[in-house]
Structure formats: C-alpha cells, structure tokens
C-alpha cells in the first residue's frame, strides 16, 4: 500500500543506481519499517552458487537505512555509521526478503535492525543491527 512513507522511500530508492543494478525492489514502507526484496540471478552468486554475502549485507543495510529514514523530518536523511551482521545460512533461494525495523530514534542516531529471509519468509538467512546518523539535506 502506498503511503507518505512509501513515497518518500521510493523517491530515494529509485536514485540508487546500485539497487537497480542488483535488481532490488521496494516492497513496502511504513513508519519505522521497510521491506526490500531481490530475486536470485547468476550475477549475484558466489563460487558455490549461494547468494553472495555482499548482496545479503546490502539488502539488510538498505532496509535498516530506509526504515530509519521514515522516522526523520523531511529536511533530513540518514547515513550508515556502523553495522554488525550475522549471516546464519547460506542460501540458493529464488528471492531474498529483508525487513528493516527501527528500534530507537534519537536526535542524532537511529538504531535499527534487519532480518533477511528466504522467499518463504520462514528461513532466516541473516540478522543485522545498525546505527544510522541523521544528516541534514
């Protein structure tokens, strides 16, 4: 469902050339939460045929960032300061789904988390904890 949060995230999302290059899709956005997906394709795998850890990390980072953005005033953006990711399962799933969620907002920093799953949404591939900094446009 498109709402003001989705529209704001989509406007920024579409400007990120890298997300277009990998084929990432914005599925949903609401206050404090974002869902991003990416279909599997050979260019996104590593030598054993699993989806690359860099792809998994990118989706988690972007979903944390955009979840954080939904909590910001219109004259602000966010930048990643730090993250920790645990990749718990290698996967050859046909689609990755990353759900970003804000844990705590502040005047300067936003703490968020992401859970990346397989296409069923049931098998957890990775979890990320991130810190975003608020940046004026």
Protein backbone atom coordinates (compact mmCIF):
# COMPACT_ATOMS: atom_id res chain seq x y z
CA UNK A 1 0.00 0.00 0.00
CA UNK A 2 1.44 3.36 -0.97
CA UNK A 3 1.51 5.94 1.81
CA UNK A 4 3.63 9.03 2.51
CA UNK A 5 6.44 6.86 3.94
CA UNK A 6 6.49 4.59 0.90
CA UNK A 7 6.54 7.57 -1.45
CA UNK A 8 9.45 9.18 0.39
CA UNK A 9 11.49 5.98 0.44
CA UNK A 10 10.65 5.16 -3.19
CA UNK A 11 11.86 8.56 -4.36
CA UNK A 12 15.25 7.97 -2.74
CA UNK A 13 15.35 4.25 -3.59
CA UNK A 14 14.97 4.97 -7.31
CA UNK A 15 18.02 7.28 -7.21
CA UNK A 16 20.31 4.49 -6.00
CA UNK A 17 21.82 3.09 -9.19
CA UNK A 18 23.34 0.14 -7.36
CA UNK A 19 19.94 -1.07 -6.18
CA UNK A 20 18.71 -1.01 -9.78
CA UNK A 21 21.83 -2.85 -10.90
CA UNK A 22 21.26 -5.75 -8.49
CA UNK A 23 17.51 -5.76 -9.11
CA UNK A 24 16.36 -4.80 -5.61
CA UNK A 25 12.68 -3.94 -5.15
CA UNK A 26 10.94 -1.81 -2.55
CA UNK A 27 8.03 -3.95 -1.35
CA UNK A 28 6.62 -1.85 1.49
CA UNK A 29 7.39 1.09 3.75
CA UNK A 30 5.64 2.49 6.78
CA UNK A 31 6.72 4.48 9.80
CA UNK A 32 9.76 2.70 11.24
CA UNK A 33 9.70 -0.28 8.87
CA UNK A 34 10.68 -1.19 5.32
CA UNK A 35 10.64 -4.38 3.25
CA UNK A 36 13.06 -4.82 0.34
CA UNK A 37 13.45 -7.89 -1.86
CA UNK A 38 15.81 -9.12 -4.55
CA UNK A 39 15.41 -12.02 -6.95
CA UNK A 40 18.20 -14.53 -7.41
CA UNK A 41 20.20 -14.36 -10.63
CA UNK A 42 23.58 -15.86 -11.55
CA UNK A 43 25.37 -12.50 -11.31
CA UNK A 44 24.53 -12.32 -7.59
CA UNK A 45 26.04 -15.65 -6.55
CA UNK A 46 29.46 -16.65 -5.27
CA UNK A 47 31.62 -19.57 -6.42
CA UNK A 48 29.45 -22.26 -4.77
CA UNK A 49 26.21 -20.93 -6.20
CA UNK A 50 24.97 -19.34 -2.97
CA UNK A 51 23.71 -15.76 -2.97
CA UNK A 52 26.71 -13.55 -2.17
CA UNK A 53 27.20 -12.24 1.35
CA UNK A 54 27.67 -8.76 -0.10
CA UNK A 55 24.17 -8.91 -1.54
CA UNK A 56 22.70 -10.08 1.76
CA UNK A 57 24.56 -7.30 3.59
CA UNK A 58 23.46 -4.66 1.08
CA UNK A 59 19.79 -5.57 1.42
CA UNK A 60 20.00 -5.54 5.21
CA UNK A 61 21.85 -2.20 5.30
CA UNK A 62 19.45 -0.53 2.87
CA UNK A 63 16.36 -1.78 4.70
CA UNK A 64 17.76 -0.50 8.02
CA UNK A 65 18.57 2.84 6.44
CA UNK A 66 15.21 3.33 4.84
CA UNK A 67 13.33 2.20 7.95
CA UNK A 68 15.31 4.89 9.79
CA UNK A 69 14.52 7.48 7.12
CA UNK A 70 10.78 7.04 7.67
CA UNK A 71 11.20 8.44 11.18
CA UNK A 72 13.07 11.57 10.05
CA UNK A 73 11.77 15.06 9.26
CA UNK A 74 11.56 15.90 5.55
CA UNK A 75 14.73 18.01 5.66
CA UNK A 76 16.85 15.08 6.90
CA UNK A 77 18.36 11.92 5.51
CA UNK A 78 20.37 9.15 7.17
CA UNK A 79 23.79 7.62 6.61
CA UNK A 80 25.13 4.33 7.92
CA UNK A 81 27.61 4.77 10.76
CA UNK A 82 28.07 1.17 11.83
CA UNK A 83 26.54 -2.27 11.47
CA UNK A 84 27.04 -5.83 12.57
CA UNK A 85 25.66 -8.67 10.53
CA UNK A 86 25.37 -12.36 11.27
CA UNK A 87 24.89 -14.47 8.16
CA UNK A 88 23.43 -17.66 9.59
CA UNK A 89 22.53 -19.67 6.50
CA UNK A 90 23.93 -19.92 3.02
CA UNK A 91 21.11 -19.87 0.50
CA UNK A 92 20.17 -20.51 -3.08
CA UNK A 93 16.61 -19.24 -2.59
CA UNK A 94 14.85 -17.68 -5.55
CA UNK A 95 14.29 -14.43 -3.62
CA UNK A 96 15.72 -12.66 -0.58
CA UNK A 97 13.45 -10.56 1.62
CA UNK A 98 14.89 -8.01 4.05
CA UNK A 99 12.68 -6.44 6.72
CA UNK A 100 14.17 -3.37 8.38
CA UNK A 101 12.75 -2.04 11.64
CA UNK A 102 13.67 0.92 13.84
CA UNK A 103 14.48 0.04 17.43
CA UNK A 104 15.23 3.52 18.81
CA UNK A 105 15.35 7.03 17.40
CA UNK A 106 17.28 9.97 18.73
CA UNK A 107 18.22 13.48 17.64
CA UNK A 108 21.49 12.31 16.13
CA UNK A 109 21.43 8.50 15.89
CA UNK A 110 18.86 5.88 14.93
CA UNK A 111 19.27 2.22 15.89
CA UNK A 112 17.63 -0.28 13.56
CA UNK A 113 17.66 -3.98 12.77
CA UNK A 114 17.04 -6.12 9.73
CA UNK A 115 16.08 -9.73 9.28
CA UNK A 116 16.84 -11.26 5.88
CA UNK A 117 14.87 -14.37 4.97
CA UNK A 118 14.41 -16.73 2.04
CA UNK A 119 11.47 -16.39 -0.33
CA UNK A 120 9.11 -18.16 2.09
CA UNK A 121 9.87 -15.65 4.82
CA UNK A 122 10.44 -18.53 7.21
CA UNK A 123 14.15 -19.36 6.95
CA UNK A 124 16.33 -16.65 8.48
CA UNK A 125 19.41 -16.02 6.36
CA UNK A 126 20.89 -13.09 8.31
CA UNK A 127 20.30 -10.52 11.04
CA UNK A 128 21.79 -7.03 11.18
CA UNK A 129 21.98 -4.40 13.91
CA UNK A 130 22.84 -0.94 12.62
CA UNK A 131 23.41 2.64 13.66
CA UNK A 132 22.39 5.46 11.34
CA UNK A 133 23.28 9.12 11.72
CA UNK A 134 20.82 11.89 10.93
CA UNK A 135 22.09 14.19 8.17
CA UNK A 136 20.51 17.46 7.04
CA UNK A 137 19.84 17.65 3.30
